[in-house]
Amino acid sequence: MTRYTLSRDGERTIRNDGGDTIGTYFEEKRGFTRQWFTSCVACPWESDITSGFDRAATDLLDHWGEAHACRFCHLAAQEDVRRIGSVAVFEDGYPVTPGHTLIIPIAHRRTYFDLTARELRDTHLALATLHDEFGHEGVTDFNVGWNAGIAAGQTVAHAHCHLIPRRPGDVEDPTGGVRGVIPEKRTYVRKER
């Protein structure tokens, strides 16, 4: 069953089976071979170059189905969301502390390990910028972390970095920090060497 149709208007667009334009396609000739790639019309996603058009179109359809049902993709597309390069920055909907902030790639990526080099640099820039901004408010301590995959606690399948401002006394004993994801491992006795 065909899950896509090509435009007849010369614009090289791809439509899903509902008739919505979801992307564009490009053909590149290299020697005796033709290579194809597709790009999404709603976000910066692009497919890898493939040797077959069907594969490129299927990659786009898979991306569209996953990414455009994603609530973080919808948040990143908002006009008023703060952007720093290729990432979006907004407050966590369920903050652990006041100022708990999420940094996400604007393009749909499942986990930290799927980010591009640019997205990693922009995430670092966003962290540094937010660190400075919170510093002006007197906050100097933070937890910074990623949950990558279901077993690690990731509940939204769009990569997101948590920046959690910490303040003296916000918990009784902060020893162990992020080690607290496994409660019995949070505190430990240092081994003698």
N, C-alpha and C. Protein backbone atom coordinates (compact mmCIF):
# COMPACT_ATOMS: atom_id res chain seq x y z
N MET A 1 0.84 -1.18 0.00
CA MET A 1 0.00 0.00 0.00
C MET A 1 0.89 1.24 0.00
N THR A 2 0.64 2.18 -0.90
CA THR A 2 1.40 3.42 -0.97
C THR A 2 0.98 4.34 0.15
N ARG A 3 1.96 4.80 0.93
CA ARG A 3 1.67 5.68 2.05
C ARG A 3 1.95 7.13 1.71
N TYR A 4 2.32 7.43 0.48
CA TYR A 4 2.65 8.80 0.10
C TYR A 4 2.33 9.01 -1.37
N THR A 5 2.19 10.29 -1.72
CA THR A 5 2.03 10.64 -3.13
C THR A 5 2.99 11.79 -3.43
N LEU A 6 3.41 11.87 -4.68
CA LEU A 6 4.30 12.94 -5.11
C LEU A 6 3.47 14.04 -5.75
N SER A 7 3.91 15.25 -5.59
CA SER A 7 3.19 16.37 -6.20
C SER A 7 3.34 16.32 -7.71
N ARG A 8 2.38 16.84 -8.40
CA ARG A 8 2.43 16.94 -9.84
C ARG A 8 2.72 18.39 -10.26
N ASP A 9 3.00 19.23 -9.26
CA ASP A 9 3.15 20.66 -9.53
C ASP A 9 4.60 21.08 -9.75
N GLY A 10 5.51 20.12 -9.82
CA GLY A 10 6.91 20.44 -10.04
C GLY A 10 7.64 20.94 -8.81
N GLU A 11 6.97 21.00 -7.65
CA GLU A 11 7.61 21.48 -6.43
C GLU A 11 8.35 20.40 -5.67
N ARG A 12 8.28 19.18 -6.13
CA ARG A 12 8.95 18.05 -5.50
C ARG A 12 8.50 17.86 -4.05
N THR A 13 7.22 17.90 -3.80
CA THR A 13 6.69 17.70 -2.46
C THR A 13 6.18 16.29 -2.28
N ILE A 14 6.12 15.87 -1.04
CA ILE A 14 5.59 14.55 -0.68
C ILE A 14 4.41 14.80 0.24
N ARG A 15 3.31 14.10 -0.04
CA ARG A 15 2.11 14.22 0.79
C ARG A 15 1.83 12.89 1.46
N ASN A 16 1.30 12.95 2.68
CA ASN A 16 0.90 11.71 3.33
C ASN A 16 -0.42 11.23 2.74
N ASP A 17 -0.92 10.07 3.19
CA ASP A 17 -2.13 9.54 2.58
C ASP A 17 -3.37 10.36 2.92
N GLY A 18 -3.25 11.33 3.85
CA GLY A 18 -4.34 12.25 4.13
C GLY A 18 -4.31 13.49 3.25
N GLY A 19 -3.27 13.59 2.39
CA GLY A 19 -3.17 14.72 1.49
C GLY A 19 -2.37 15.90 2.01
N ASP A 20 -1.86 15.81 3.25
CA ASP A 20 -1.07 16.91 3.81
C ASP A 20 0.34 16.88 3.23
N THR A 21 0.85 18.05 2.86
CA THR A 21 2.24 18.14 2.42
C THR A 21 3.12 18.00 3.65
N ILE A 22 3.99 16.99 3.63
CA ILE A 22 4.83 16.73 4.81
C ILE A 22 6.31 16.93 4.54
N GLY A 23 6.69 17.05 3.27
CA GLY A 23 8.11 17.23 3.01
C GLY A 23 8.42 17.44 1.55
N THR A 24 9.69 17.60 1.30
CA THR A 24 10.18 17.76 -0.05
C THR A 24 11.22 16.70 -0.33
N TYR A 25 11.46 16.45 -1.61
CA TYR A 25 12.49 15.47 -1.95
C TYR A 25 13.45 16.07 -2.95
N PHE A 26 14.66 15.56 -2.91
CA PHE A 26 15.72 16.04 -3.80
C PHE A 26 16.44 14.84 -4.37
N GLU A 27 16.88 15.00 -5.59
CA GLU A 27 17.63 13.94 -6.25
C GLU A 27 19.01 14.50 -6.59
N GLU A 28 20.01 13.68 -6.35
CA GLU A 28 21.38 14.08 -6.66
C GLU A 28 21.99 12.98 -7.51
N LYS A 29 22.61 13.35 -8.60
CA LYS A 29 23.28 12.36 -9.44
C LYS A 29 24.76 12.39 -9.12
N ARG A 30 25.31 11.21 -8.83
CA ARG A 30 26.73 11.08 -8.57
C ARG A 30 27.26 9.97 -9.46
N GLY A 31 27.97 10.37 -10.49
CA GLY A 31 28.45 9.35 -11.42
C GLY A 31 27.26 8.69 -12.11
N PHE A 32 27.21 7.36 -11.99
CA PHE A 32 26.12 6.61 -12.61
C PHE A 32 24.97 6.34 -11.65
N THR A 33 25.07 6.82 -10.42
CA THR A 33 24.02 6.53 -9.45
C THR A 33 23.21 7.78 -9.12
N ARG A 34 21.97 7.55 -8.70
CA ARG A 34 21.12 8.63 -8.22
C ARG A 34 20.92 8.41 -6.73
N GLN A 35 21.01 9.50 -5.99
CA GLN A 35 20.78 9.43 -4.55
C GLN A 35 19.65 10.38 -4.20
N TRP A 36 18.89 10.01 -3.19
CA TRP A 36 17.72 10.77 -2.79
C TRP A 36 17.82 11.15 -1.33
N PHE A 37 17.23 12.31 -0.99
CA PHE A 37 17.00 12.59 0.42
C PHE A 37 15.75 13.45 0.53
N THR A 38 15.16 13.42 1.70
CA THR A 38 13.92 14.15 1.95
C THR A 38 14.12 15.07 3.14
N SER A 39 13.31 16.10 3.20
CA SER A 39 13.32 16.99 4.36
C SER A 39 11.88 17.29 4.76
N CYS A 40 11.70 17.53 6.04
CA CYS A 40 10.39 17.80 6.62
C CYS A 40 10.02 19.27 6.42
N VAL A 41 8.75 19.55 6.16
CA VAL A 41 8.33 20.94 6.00
C VAL A 41 8.07 21.63 7.33
N ALA A 42 7.94 20.86 8.41
CA ALA A 42 7.55 21.45 9.69
C ALA A 42 8.70 21.60 10.69
N CYS A 43 9.84 21.02 10.42
CA CYS A 43 10.97 21.12 11.35
C CYS A 43 12.27 20.93 10.57
N PRO A 44 13.42 21.08 11.22
CA PRO A 44 14.70 21.00 10.48
C PRO A 44 15.16 19.59 10.09
N TRP A 45 14.35 18.56 10.31
CA TRP A 45 14.76 17.18 10.05
C TRP A 45 15.05 16.96 8.57
N GLU A 46 16.10 16.19 8.29
CA GLU A 46 16.41 15.71 6.94
C GLU A 46 16.79 14.25 7.01
N SER A 47 16.43 13.49 5.98
CA SER A 47 16.80 12.08 5.94
C SER A 47 18.26 11.94 5.57
N ASP A 48 18.79 10.76 5.82
CA ASP A 48 20.10 10.42 5.28
C ASP A 48 19.93 10.23 3.78
N ILE A 49 21.00 10.43 3.03
CA ILE A 49 20.95 10.20 1.59
C ILE A 49 20.83 8.69 1.36
N THR A 50 19.91 8.30 0.51
CA THR A 50 19.68 6.88 0.22
C THR A 50 19.80 6.65 -1.27
N SER A 51 19.93 5.38 -1.64
CA SER A 51 20.01 5.04 -3.05
C SER A 51 18.64 4.80 -3.65
N GLY A 52 17.60 4.77 -2.82
CA GLY A 52 16.27 4.54 -3.35
C GLY A 52 15.28 5.57 -2.85
N PHE A 53 14.44 6.08 -3.74
CA PHE A 53 13.46 7.08 -3.37
C PHE A 53 12.49 6.54 -2.34
N ASP A 54 12.03 5.29 -2.51
CA ASP A 54 11.06 4.72 -1.57
C ASP A 54 11.58 4.76 -0.14
N ARG A 55 12.87 4.45 0.03
CA ARG A 55 13.47 4.47 1.38
C ARG A 55 13.47 5.88 1.95
N ALA A 56 13.82 6.87 1.12
CA ALA A 56 13.85 8.26 1.58
C ALA A 56 12.44 8.72 1.97
N ALA A 57 11.45 8.37 1.16
CA ALA A 57 10.07 8.76 1.47
C ALA A 57 9.56 8.07 2.72
N THR A 58 9.90 6.79 2.89
CA THR A 58 9.50 6.05 4.09
C THR A 58 10.14 6.65 5.35
N ASP A 59 11.41 7.04 5.25
CA ASP A 59 12.07 7.71 6.39
C ASP A 59 11.31 8.97 6.79
N LEU A 60 10.89 9.75 5.80
CA LEU A 60 10.13 10.97 6.07
C LEU A 60 8.80 10.65 6.73
N LEU A 61 8.09 9.66 6.22
CA LEU A 61 6.80 9.29 6.81
C LEU A 61 6.96 8.80 8.25
N ASP A 62 8.00 8.01 8.50
CA ASP A 62 8.25 7.55 9.87
C ASP A 62 8.54 8.72 10.79
N HIS A 63 9.38 9.65 10.32
CA HIS A 63 9.68 10.85 11.10
C HIS A 63 8.41 11.63 11.38
N TRP A 64 7.61 11.85 10.35
CA TRP A 64 6.40 12.66 10.49
C TRP A 64 5.46 12.05 11.53
N GLY A 65 5.27 10.74 11.45
CA GLY A 65 4.36 10.07 12.38
C GLY A 65 4.82 10.18 13.82
N GLU A 66 6.13 10.10 14.06
CA GLU A 66 6.65 10.17 15.41
C GLU A 66 6.77 11.61 15.89
N ALA A 67 7.41 12.44 15.10
CA ALA A 67 7.74 13.80 15.55
C ALA A 67 6.53 14.70 15.67
N HIS A 68 5.60 14.58 14.76
CA HIS A 68 4.53 15.57 14.75
C HIS A 68 3.35 15.16 15.60
N ALA A 69 3.50 14.08 16.33
CA ALA A 69 2.59 13.74 17.41
C ALA A 69 3.25 14.08 18.74
N CYS A 70 4.48 14.57 18.70
CA CYS A 70 5.31 14.82 19.89
C CYS A 70 4.98 16.17 20.51
N ARG A 71 4.64 16.17 21.79
CA ARG A 71 4.28 17.44 22.43
C ARG A 71 5.47 18.39 22.54
N PHE A 72 6.70 17.87 22.64
CA PHE A 72 7.86 18.76 22.69
C PHE A 72 8.12 19.40 21.32
N CYS A 73 7.86 18.66 20.23
CA CYS A 73 7.98 19.27 18.90
C CYS A 73 6.99 20.42 18.77
N HIS A 74 5.78 20.24 19.29
CA HIS A 74 4.77 21.30 19.23
C HIS A 74 5.21 22.49 20.07
N LEU A 75 5.77 22.25 21.25
CA LEU A 75 6.27 23.35 22.09
C LEU A 75 7.40 24.10 21.39
N ALA A 76 8.33 23.36 20.79
CA ALA A 76 9.47 23.98 20.11
C ALA A 76 9.03 24.83 18.92
N ALA A 77 7.88 24.51 18.34
CA ALA A 77 7.38 25.25 17.17
C ALA A 77 6.63 26.52 17.55
N GLN A 78 6.34 26.72 18.83
CA GLN A 78 5.60 27.92 19.26
C GLN A 78 6.40 29.17 18.94
N GLU A 79 5.71 30.21 18.52
CA GLU A 79 6.35 31.48 18.17
C GLU A 79 7.09 32.10 19.35
N ASP A 80 6.52 31.97 20.55
CA ASP A 80 7.07 32.68 21.71
C ASP A 80 8.09 31.86 22.51
N VAL A 81 8.44 30.66 22.04
CA VAL A 81 9.41 29.85 22.78
C VAL A 81 10.80 30.45 22.59
N ARG A 82 11.59 30.39 23.63
CA ARG A 82 12.95 30.91 23.55
C ARG A 82 13.82 29.91 22.78
N ARG A 83 14.62 30.42 21.87
CA ARG A 83 15.52 29.58 21.08
C ARG A 83 16.94 30.07 21.24
N ILE A 84 17.84 29.13 21.33
CA ILE A 84 19.27 29.43 21.33
C ILE A 84 19.86 28.50 20.27
N GLY A 85 20.07 29.05 19.07
CA GLY A 85 20.56 28.24 17.95
C GLY A 85 19.55 27.16 17.60
N SER A 86 19.97 25.91 17.66
CA SER A 86 19.14 24.77 17.24
C SER A 86 18.36 24.14 18.38
N VAL A 87 18.32 24.81 19.56
CA VAL A 87 17.60 24.26 20.71
C VAL A 87 16.55 25.25 21.20
N ALA A 88 15.54 24.71 21.86
CA ALA A 88 14.49 25.52 22.49
C ALA A 88 14.62 25.38 24.00
N VAL A 89 14.24 26.42 24.71
CA VAL A 89 14.38 26.47 26.16
C VAL A 89 13.04 26.88 26.76
N PHE A 90 12.55 26.10 27.73
CA PHE A 90 11.30 26.46 28.40
C PHE A 90 11.24 25.81 29.78
N GLU A 91 10.37 26.33 30.64
CA GLU A 91 10.24 25.79 31.98
C GLU A 91 9.59 24.42 31.94
N ASP A 92 10.05 23.54 32.83
CA ASP A 92 9.48 22.21 32.95
C ASP A 92 8.03 22.33 33.42
N GLY A 93 7.14 21.53 32.86
CA GLY A 93 5.74 21.55 33.25
C GLY A 93 5.50 20.99 34.64
N TYR A 94 6.45 20.22 35.16
CA TYR A 94 6.35 19.62 36.48
C TYR A 94 7.66 19.89 37.22
N PRO A 95 7.91 21.16 37.57
CA PRO A 95 9.23 21.53 38.10
C PRO A 95 9.56 20.87 39.44
N VAL A 96 10.82 20.45 39.55
CA VAL A 96 11.33 19.88 40.79
C VAL A 96 11.65 21.01 41.77
N THR A 97 12.19 22.11 41.25
CA THR A 97 12.47 23.31 42.03
C THR A 97 12.05 24.51 41.19
N PRO A 98 11.89 25.68 41.82
CA PRO A 98 11.60 26.87 41.02
C PRO A 98 12.71 27.11 39.99
N GLY A 99 12.31 27.37 38.73
CA GLY A 99 13.27 27.61 37.68
C GLY A 99 13.71 26.38 36.91
N HIS A 100 13.21 25.19 37.27
CA HIS A 100 13.55 23.95 36.57
C HIS A 100 13.25 24.15 35.08
N THR A 101 14.27 24.02 34.26
CA THR A 101 14.19 24.36 32.84
C THR A 101 14.57 23.17 31.97
N LEU A 102 13.92 23.05 30.82
CA LEU A 102 14.26 22.03 29.83
C LEU A 102 14.90 22.68 28.62
N ILE A 103 15.90 22.00 28.07
CA ILE A 103 16.55 22.41 26.83
C ILE A 103 16.38 21.24 25.87
N ILE A 104 15.74 21.51 24.72
CA ILE A 104 15.46 20.43 23.77
C ILE A 104 15.93 20.82 22.38
N PRO A 105 16.35 19.83 21.57
CA PRO A 105 16.63 20.16 20.18
C PRO A 105 15.31 20.51 19.49
N ILE A 106 15.34 21.49 18.60
CA ILE A 106 14.13 21.87 17.87
C ILE A 106 13.70 20.73 16.94
N ALA A 107 14.66 20.09 16.29
CA ALA A 107 14.36 18.91 15.46
C ALA A 107 14.10 17.73 16.39
N HIS A 108 13.22 16.85 15.98
CA HIS A 108 12.90 15.70 16.82
C HIS A 108 14.09 14.73 16.90
N ARG A 109 14.56 14.51 18.11
CA ARG A 109 15.60 13.52 18.40
C ARG A 109 15.10 12.73 19.61
N ARG A 110 15.29 11.42 19.58
CA ARG A 110 14.76 10.59 20.68
C ARG A 110 15.55 10.76 21.97
N THR A 111 16.86 10.67 21.90
CA THR A 111 17.67 10.74 23.13
C THR A 111 18.90 11.60 22.91
N TYR A 112 19.61 11.84 23.99
CA TYR A 112 20.87 12.59 23.95
C TYR A 112 21.80 12.04 22.88
N PHE A 113 21.83 10.74 22.73
CA PHE A 113 22.77 10.09 21.82
C PHE A 113 22.41 10.29 20.34
N ASP A 114 21.25 10.87 20.06
CA ASP A 114 20.83 11.16 18.69
C ASP A 114 21.10 12.61 18.28
N LEU A 115 21.57 13.45 19.20
CA LEU A 115 21.81 14.86 18.91
C LEU A 115 22.98 15.04 17.96
N THR A 116 22.88 16.07 17.13
CA THR A 116 23.98 16.41 16.22
C THR A 116 25.03 17.20 17.00
N ALA A 117 26.20 17.38 16.41
CA ALA A 117 27.26 18.16 17.05
C ALA A 117 26.78 19.59 17.30
N ARG A 118 26.06 20.16 16.36
CA ARG A 118 25.55 21.53 16.54
C ARG A 118 24.57 21.59 17.71
N GLU A 119 23.66 20.61 17.79
CA GLU A 119 22.68 20.60 18.88
C GLU A 119 23.37 20.46 20.24
N LEU A 120 24.42 19.66 20.30
CA LEU A 120 25.18 19.52 21.54
C LEU A 120 25.85 20.84 21.91
N ARG A 121 26.46 21.52 20.93
CA ARG A 121 27.09 22.83 21.20
C ARG A 121 26.05 23.85 21.66
N ASP A 122 24.90 23.88 20.99
CA ASP A 122 23.86 24.83 21.36
C ASP A 122 23.27 24.52 22.74
N THR A 123 23.18 23.24 23.08
CA THR A 123 22.73 22.86 24.42
C THR A 123 23.72 23.38 25.46
N HIS A 124 25.00 23.20 25.19
CA HIS A 124 26.03 23.70 26.12
C HIS A 124 25.94 25.22 26.24
N LEU A 125 25.74 25.91 25.13
CA LEU A 125 25.60 27.36 25.15
C LEU A 125 24.37 27.77 25.97
N ALA A 126 23.26 27.06 25.77
CA ALA A 126 22.04 27.35 26.54
C ALA A 126 22.28 27.14 28.04
N LEU A 127 22.97 26.04 28.40
CA LEU A 127 23.27 25.79 29.82
C LEU A 127 24.12 26.92 30.40
N ALA A 128 25.14 27.34 29.66
CA ALA A 128 26.01 28.42 30.14
C ALA A 128 25.23 29.72 30.28
N THR A 129 24.37 30.02 29.32
CA THR A 129 23.55 31.24 29.36
C THR A 129 22.62 31.22 30.56
N LEU A 130 21.93 30.10 30.76
CA LEU A 130 21.01 29.98 31.89
C LEU A 130 21.76 30.03 33.22
N HIS A 131 22.92 29.40 33.28
CA HIS A 131 23.75 29.45 34.49
C HIS A 131 24.04 30.90 34.86
N ASP A 132 24.44 31.70 33.87
CA ASP A 132 24.72 33.11 34.13
C ASP A 132 23.47 33.86 34.57
N GLU A 133 22.34 33.59 33.94
CA GLU A 133 21.09 34.27 34.29
C GLU A 133 20.66 33.92 35.71
N PHE A 134 20.73 32.64 36.06
CA PHE A 134 20.38 32.24 37.43
C PHE A 134 21.38 32.81 38.44
N GLY A 135 22.64 32.93 38.02
CA GLY A 135 23.66 33.51 38.89
C GLY A 135 23.32 34.92 39.31
N HIS A 136 22.71 35.68 38.41
CA HIS A 136 22.28 37.05 38.74
C HIS A 136 21.17 37.05 39.79
N GLU A 137 20.50 35.91 39.94
CA GLU A 137 19.45 35.77 40.96
C GLU A 137 20.01 35.13 42.23
N GLY A 138 21.31 34.86 42.26
CA GLY A 138 21.95 34.29 43.44
C GLY A 138 22.01 32.78 43.47
N VAL A 139 21.54 32.11 42.41
CA VAL A 139 21.60 30.65 42.35
C VAL A 139 22.95 30.24 41.78
N THR A 140 23.67 29.37 42.48
CA THR A 140 24.99 28.95 42.02
C THR A 140 25.12 27.44 41.85
N ASP A 141 24.16 26.67 42.35
CA ASP A 141 24.26 25.21 42.31
C ASP A 141 23.13 24.62 41.47
N PHE A 142 23.45 23.54 40.74
CA PHE A 142 22.48 22.96 39.80
C PHE A 142 22.66 21.45 39.71
N ASN A 143 21.59 20.78 39.35
CA ASN A 143 21.67 19.43 38.80
C ASN A 143 21.41 19.58 37.31
N VAL A 144 22.21 18.92 36.49
CA VAL A 144 22.06 18.94 35.04
C VAL A 144 21.97 17.48 34.61
N GLY A 145 20.94 17.12 33.86
CA GLY A 145 20.85 15.71 33.50
C GLY A 145 19.92 15.40 32.35
N TRP A 146 20.15 14.23 31.81
CA TRP A 146 19.38 13.66 30.70
C TRP A 146 18.86 12.30 31.14
N ASN A 147 17.64 11.97 30.77
CA ASN A 147 17.13 10.61 30.88
C ASN A 147 17.09 10.08 29.45
N ALA A 148 17.84 9.04 29.17
CA ALA A 148 17.94 8.52 27.80
C ALA A 148 17.37 7.11 27.74
N GLY A 149 16.09 7.02 27.43
CA GLY A 149 15.42 5.73 27.32
C GLY A 149 14.47 5.48 28.48
N ILE A 150 13.56 4.55 28.26
CA ILE A 150 12.51 4.25 29.23
C ILE A 150 13.08 3.75 30.55
N ALA A 151 14.04 2.83 30.51
CA ALA A 151 14.62 2.28 31.75
C ALA A 151 15.33 3.36 32.56
N ALA A 152 15.74 4.44 31.89
CA ALA A 152 16.41 5.55 32.58
C ALA A 152 15.42 6.61 33.06
N GLY A 153 14.12 6.36 32.84
CA GLY A 153 13.10 7.29 33.32
C GLY A 153 12.60 8.30 32.31
N GLN A 154 13.00 8.19 31.04
CA GLN A 154 12.54 9.15 30.03
C GLN A 154 11.06 8.90 29.75
N THR A 155 10.23 9.93 29.95
CA THR A 155 8.79 9.78 29.74
C THR A 155 8.29 10.46 28.47
N VAL A 156 9.08 11.35 27.88
CA VAL A 156 8.75 11.97 26.60
C VAL A 156 9.86 11.56 25.63
N ALA A 157 9.48 10.95 24.51
CA ALA A 157 10.46 10.42 23.56
C ALA A 157 11.03 11.51 22.66
N HIS A 158 11.44 12.60 23.28
CA HIS A 158 12.13 13.70 22.59
C HIS A 158 13.24 14.10 23.56
N ALA A 159 14.47 14.07 23.09
CA ALA A 159 15.61 14.36 23.96
C ALA A 159 15.40 15.69 24.69
N HIS A 160 15.71 15.71 25.98
CA HIS A 160 15.60 16.95 26.74
C HIS A 160 16.55 16.92 27.93
N CYS A 161 17.23 18.04 28.09
CA CYS A 161 18.18 18.23 29.18
C CYS A 161 17.48 19.00 30.30
N HIS A 162 17.60 18.50 31.52
CA HIS A 162 17.03 19.18 32.68
C HIS A 162 18.10 20.05 33.32
N LEU A 163 17.79 21.31 33.55
CA LEU A 163 18.62 22.18 34.36
C LEU A 163 17.79 22.51 35.60
N ILE A 164 18.23 21.99 36.75
CA ILE A 164 17.47 22.12 37.99
C ILE A 164 18.27 22.99 38.95
N PRO A 165 17.83 24.25 39.16
CA PRO A 165 18.52 25.10 40.11
C PRO A 165 18.36 24.55 41.53
N ARG A 166 19.43 24.57 42.29
CA ARG A 166 19.40 24.06 43.67
C ARG A 166 19.73 25.19 44.64
N ARG A 167 19.08 25.15 45.78
CA ARG A 167 19.26 26.17 46.78
C ARG A 167 19.51 25.50 48.13
N PRO A 168 20.32 26.14 48.98
CA PRO A 168 20.57 25.55 50.30
C PRO A 168 19.25 25.27 51.03
N GLY A 169 19.13 24.04 51.54
CA GLY A 169 17.95 23.67 52.31
C GLY A 169 16.77 23.18 51.50
N ASP A 170 16.88 23.06 50.17
CA ASP A 170 15.72 22.60 49.39
C ASP A 170 15.45 21.10 49.62
N VAL A 171 16.46 20.36 50.09
CA VAL A 171 16.28 18.98 50.58
C VAL A 171 17.11 18.84 51.86
N GLU A 172 16.74 17.88 52.68
CA GLU A 172 17.45 17.71 53.95
C GLU A 172 18.92 17.37 53.75
N ASP A 173 19.21 16.42 52.86
CA ASP A 173 20.59 16.02 52.63
C ASP A 173 20.81 15.81 51.13
N PRO A 174 21.48 16.75 50.44
CA PRO A 174 21.68 16.62 49.00
C PRO A 174 22.82 15.69 48.60
N THR A 175 23.48 15.04 49.56
CA THR A 175 24.62 14.18 49.25
C THR A 175 24.27 13.16 48.18
N GLY A 176 25.12 13.03 47.19
CA GLY A 176 24.92 12.05 46.12
C GLY A 176 24.26 12.62 44.89
N GLY A 177 23.56 13.74 45.00
CA GLY A 177 22.96 14.40 43.83
C GLY A 177 22.22 13.46 42.92
N VAL A 178 22.66 13.38 41.66
CA VAL A 178 21.95 12.58 40.66
C VAL A 178 22.01 11.09 40.95
N ARG A 179 22.89 10.68 41.84
CA ARG A 179 22.91 9.26 42.24
C ARG A 179 21.58 8.85 42.86
N GLY A 180 20.77 9.83 43.27
CA GLY A 180 19.48 9.55 43.88
C GLY A 180 18.46 8.93 42.95
N VAL A 181 18.78 8.79 41.67
CA VAL A 181 17.84 8.11 40.76
C VAL A 181 17.66 6.65 41.17
N ILE A 182 18.64 6.11 41.86
CA ILE A 182 18.50 4.79 42.49
C ILE A 182 18.70 5.06 43.98
N PRO A 183 17.59 5.21 44.73
CA PRO A 183 17.66 5.72 46.10
C PRO A 183 18.68 5.05 47.01
N GLU A 184 18.79 3.74 46.96
CA GLU A 184 19.74 3.06 47.86
C GLU A 184 21.20 3.29 47.48
N LYS A 185 21.44 3.88 46.31
CA LYS A 185 22.82 4.18 45.87
C LYS A 185 23.20 5.65 46.06
N ARG A 186 22.24 6.47 46.56
CA ARG A 186 22.47 7.91 46.66
C ARG A 186 23.65 8.22 47.56
N THR A 187 23.67 7.68 48.74
CA THR A 187 24.81 7.94 49.63
C THR A 187 25.72 6.73 49.62
N TYR A 188 26.97 6.96 49.87
CA TYR A 188 27.96 5.89 49.81
C TYR A 188 29.12 6.24 50.71
N VAL A 189 29.87 5.21 51.06
CA VAL A 189 31.07 5.38 51.85
C VAL A 189 32.26 5.28 50.89
N ARG A 190 33.10 6.29 50.90
CA ARG A 190 34.26 6.31 50.01
C ARG A 190 35.18 5.15 50.32
N LYS A 191 35.62 4.43 49.30
CA LYS A 191 36.54 3.30 49.46
C LYS A 191 37.95 3.79 49.72
N GLU A 192 38.64 3.09 50.57
CA GLU A 192 40.05 3.40 50.82
C GLU A 192 40.87 2.88 49.64
N ARG A 193 41.90 3.59 49.27
CA ARG A 193 42.74 3.14 48.15
C ARG A 193 43.99 2.50 48.65
